Amino acid sequence: MPAKELLEQIVSKANGNEAVKKEISGFNKVFQFKVTDSSPFYVSIENGSVTMKDGEAQTPSATIVGTDAVLSDMFSGKLDPIKAFMAGQIKVSGDVFSTQKLTGVISKLRA
């Protein structure tokens, strides 16, 4: 399944999960995903609500760059994001620490 579709499912679960909404309240960030072999998209987290949009964000907190296959494997749990970063499979710029929180939220909602 394409990375964008997997992340759309996760975003939908996030907005329906009160525990996650509480965890991310006050965590206001924008994560840009630049897919090297597909179209870019981004995720905005604001006041406990998560939205996903096509295109490029004006001022993302962090930008994650990788192939659709690598991002899909990360979103589905087949690939550890830290290992992908260390192996050069993804590149992260901007607020790297906030991407770690995003990774934690995604892993909780993946199941």
C-alpha atoms as a PDB file:
ATOM      1  CA  MET A   1       0.000   0.000   0.000  1.00  0.00           C
ATOM      2  CA  PRO A   2       1.345   3.482  -0.805  1.00  0.00           C
ATOM      3  CA  ALA A   3       2.792   5.464   2.102  1.00  0.00           C
ATOM      4  CA  LYS A   4       0.183   8.201   1.737  1.00  0.00           C
ATOM      5  CA  GLU A   5      -2.708   5.729   2.088  1.00  0.00           C
ATOM      6  CA  LEU A   6      -1.145   4.105   5.152  1.00  0.00           C
ATOM      7  CA  LEU A   7      -0.637   7.482   6.798  1.00  0.00           C
ATOM      8  CA  GLU A   8      -4.214   8.524   5.959  1.00  0.00           C
ATOM      9  CA  GLN A   9      -5.456   5.483   7.896  1.00  0.00           C
ATOM     10  CA  ILE A  10      -3.221   6.378  10.845  1.00  0.00           C
ATOM     11  CA  VAL A  11      -4.419  10.009  10.798  1.00  0.00           C
ATOM     12  CA  SER A  12      -8.027   8.796  10.826  1.00  0.00           C
ATOM     13  CA  LYS A  13      -7.312   6.572  13.840  1.00  0.00           C
ATOM     14  CA  ALA A  14      -5.551   9.454  15.623  1.00  0.00           C
ATOM     15  CA  ASN A  15      -8.590  11.691  15.341  1.00  0.00           C
ATOM     16  CA  GLY A  16     -10.805   8.940  16.770  1.00  0.00           C
ATOM     17  CA  ASN A  17      -8.541   8.030  19.686  1.00  0.00           C
ATOM     18  CA  GLU A  18      -9.100  10.170  22.791  1.00  0.00           C
ATOM     19  CA  ALA A  19      -5.873   9.010  24.481  1.00  0.00           C
ATOM     20  CA  VAL A  20      -3.789  10.022  21.474  1.00  0.00           C
ATOM     21  CA  LYS A  21      -5.664  13.322  21.101  1.00  0.00           C
ATOM     22  CA  LYS A  22      -4.866  14.095  24.733  1.00  0.00           C
ATOM     23  CA  GLU A  23      -1.206  13.104  24.249  1.00  0.00           C
ATOM     24  CA  ILE A  24      -0.761  15.431  21.269  1.00  0.00           C
ATOM     25  CA  SER A  25      -2.727  18.393  22.619  1.00  0.00           C
ATOM     26  CA  GLY A  26      -0.281  21.277  22.801  1.00  0.00           C
ATOM     27  CA  PHE A  27       2.021  19.543  20.286  1.00  0.00           C
ATOM     28  CA  ASN A  28       1.553  21.852  17.305  1.00  0.00           C
ATOM     29  CA  LYS A  29       3.792  20.761  14.436  1.00  0.00           C
ATOM     30  CA  VAL A  30       3.750  20.286  10.668  1.00  0.00           C
ATOM     31  CA  PHE A  31       5.562  17.318   9.122  1.00  0.00           C
ATOM     32  CA  GLN A  32       6.384  17.482   5.425  1.00  0.00           C
ATOM     33  CA  PHE A  33       6.849  14.189   3.586  1.00  0.00           C
ATOM     34  CA  LYS A  34       8.753  14.497   0.323  1.00  0.00           C
ATOM     35  CA  VAL A  35       8.347  11.201  -1.466  1.00  0.00           C
ATOM     36  CA  THR A  36      11.113  10.912  -4.039  1.00  0.00           C
ATOM     37  CA  ASP A  37       9.052   8.725  -6.374  1.00  0.00           C
ATOM     38  CA  SER A  38       5.593  10.207  -5.748  1.00  0.00           C
ATOM     39  CA  SER A  39       3.806  13.436  -4.797  1.00  0.00           C
ATOM     40  CA  PRO A  40       4.570  15.301  -1.551  1.00  0.00           C
ATOM     41  CA  PHE A  41       2.115  15.537   1.345  1.00  0.00           C
ATOM     42  CA  TYR A  42       2.155  16.829   4.884  1.00  0.00           C
ATOM     43  CA  VAL A  43       0.594  16.199   8.260  1.00  0.00           C
ATOM     44  CA  SER A  44      -0.434  19.005  10.619  1.00  0.00           C
ATOM     45  CA  ILE A  45      -0.950  18.410  14.314  1.00  0.00           C
ATOM     46  CA  GLU A  46      -2.713  21.265  16.050  1.00  0.00           C
ATOM     47  CA  ASN A  47      -4.581  21.328  19.358  1.00  0.00           C
ATOM     48  CA  GLY A  48      -5.011  17.540  19.442  1.00  0.00           C
ATOM     49  CA  SER A  49      -6.296  17.312  15.877  1.00  0.00           C
ATOM     50  CA  VAL A  50      -4.421  15.754  12.958  1.00  0.00           C
ATOM     51  CA  THR A  51      -4.938  16.685   9.312  1.00  0.00           C
ATOM     52  CA  MET A  52      -3.233  15.516   6.159  1.00  0.00           C
ATOM     53  CA  LYS A  53      -2.943  17.476   2.925  1.00  0.00           C
ATOM     54  CA  ASP A  54      -1.364  17.104  -0.491  1.00  0.00           C
ATOM     55  CA  GLY A  55       1.477  19.354  -1.562  1.00  0.00           C
ATOM     56  CA  GLU A  56       4.063  21.258   0.398  1.00  0.00           C
ATOM     57  CA  ALA A  57       3.568  23.068   3.684  1.00  0.00           C
ATOM     58  CA  GLN A  58       4.610  26.719   3.906  1.00  0.00           C
ATOM     59  CA  THR A  59       6.764  26.317   7.017  1.00  0.00           C
ATOM     60  CA  PRO A  60       7.101  22.687   8.130  1.00  0.00           C
ATOM     61  CA  SER A  61       8.542  21.892  11.542  1.00  0.00           C
ATOM     62  CA  ALA A  62      10.401  18.957   9.997  1.00  0.00           C
ATOM     63  CA  THR A  63      10.820  17.449   6.551  1.00  0.00           C
ATOM     64  CA  ILE A  64      11.184  13.716   5.937  1.00  0.00           C
ATOM     65  CA  VAL A  65      12.462  12.588   2.537  1.00  0.00           C
ATOM     66  CA  GLY A  66      12.401   9.008   1.269  1.00  0.00           C
ATOM     67  CA  THR A  67      10.997   6.632  -1.322  1.00  0.00           C
ATOM     68  CA  ASP A  68       7.386   5.514  -1.167  1.00  0.00           C
ATOM     69  CA  ALA A  69       8.505   1.953  -0.334  1.00  0.00           C
ATOM     70  CA  VAL A  70      10.692   3.059   2.598  1.00  0.00           C
ATOM     71  CA  LEU A  71       8.018   5.371   4.017  1.00  0.00           C
ATOM     72  CA  SER A  72       5.387   2.613   3.617  1.00  0.00           C
ATOM     73  CA  ASP A  73       7.602   0.171   5.486  1.00  0.00           C
ATOM     74  CA  MET A  74       8.079   2.712   8.287  1.00  0.00           C
ATOM     75  CA  PHE A  75       4.366   3.510   8.582  1.00  0.00           C
ATOM     76  CA  SER A  76       3.450  -0.188   8.591  1.00  0.00           C
ATOM     77  CA  GLY A  77       6.086  -1.074  11.193  1.00  0.00           C
ATOM     78  CA  LYS A  78       8.282  -3.222   8.925  1.00  0.00           C
ATOM     79  CA  LEU A  79      11.153  -0.717   9.139  1.00  0.00           C
ATOM     80  CA  ASP A  80      12.412   1.092  12.225  1.00  0.00           C
ATOM     81  CA  PRO A  81      12.614   4.858  11.490  1.00  0.00           C
ATOM     82  CA  ILE A  82      15.887   5.252  13.414  1.00  0.00           C
ATOM     83  CA  LYS A  83      17.512   2.435  11.438  1.00  0.00           C
ATOM     84  CA  ALA A  84      16.195   3.923   8.188  1.00  0.00           C
ATOM     85  CA  PHE A  85      17.690   7.293   9.132  1.00  0.00           C
ATOM     86  CA  MET A  86      21.053   5.794  10.150  1.00  0.00           C
ATOM     87  CA  ALA A  87      21.186   3.751   6.945  1.00  0.00           C
ATOM     88  CA  GLY A  88      20.489   6.831   4.835  1.00  0.00           C
ATOM     89  CA  GLN A  89      17.158   5.480   3.588  1.00  0.00           C
ATOM     90  CA  ILE A  90      15.417   8.627   4.802  1.00  0.00           C
ATOM     91  CA  LYS A  91      16.634  12.155   5.392  1.00  0.00           C
ATOM     92  CA  VAL A  92      15.219  14.339   8.141  1.00  0.00           C
ATOM     93  CA  SER A  93      15.691  18.081   8.408  1.00  0.00           C
ATOM     94  CA  GLY A  94      14.298  20.653  10.794  1.00  0.00           C
ATOM     95  CA  ASP A  95      13.016  19.692  14.241  1.00  0.00           C
ATOM     96  CA  VAL A  96      14.355  16.139  14.400  1.00  0.00           C
ATOM     97  CA  PHE A  97      13.213  15.691  18.011  1.00  0.00           C
ATOM     98  CA  SER A  98       9.567  16.288  17.125  1.00  0.00           C
ATOM     99  CA  THR A  99       9.782  13.529  14.510  1.00  0.00           C
ATOM    100  CA  GLN A 100      10.557  11.121  17.352  1.00  0.00           C
ATOM    101  CA  LYS A 101       7.253  12.027  19.018  1.00  0.00           C
ATOM    102  CA  LEU A 102       5.475  11.560  15.678  1.00  0.00           C
ATOM    103  CA  THR A 103       7.075   8.117  15.366  1.00  0.00           C
ATOM    104  CA  GLY A 104       5.776   7.179  18.829  1.00  0.00           C
ATOM    105  CA  VAL A 105       2.236   8.272  17.964  1.00  0.00           C
ATOM    106  CA  ILE A 106       2.305   6.375  14.657  1.00  0.00           C
ATOM    107  CA  SER A 107       3.501   3.180  16.351  1.00  0.00           C
ATOM    108  CA  LYS A 108       0.607   3.349  18.854  1.00  0.00           C
ATOM    109  CA  LEU A 109      -1.954   3.720  16.073  1.00  0.00           C
ATOM    110  CA  ARG A 110      -0.518   1.229  13.629  1.00  0.00           C
ATOM    111  CA  ALA A 111      -2.108  -1.945  15.015  1.00  0.00           C
END
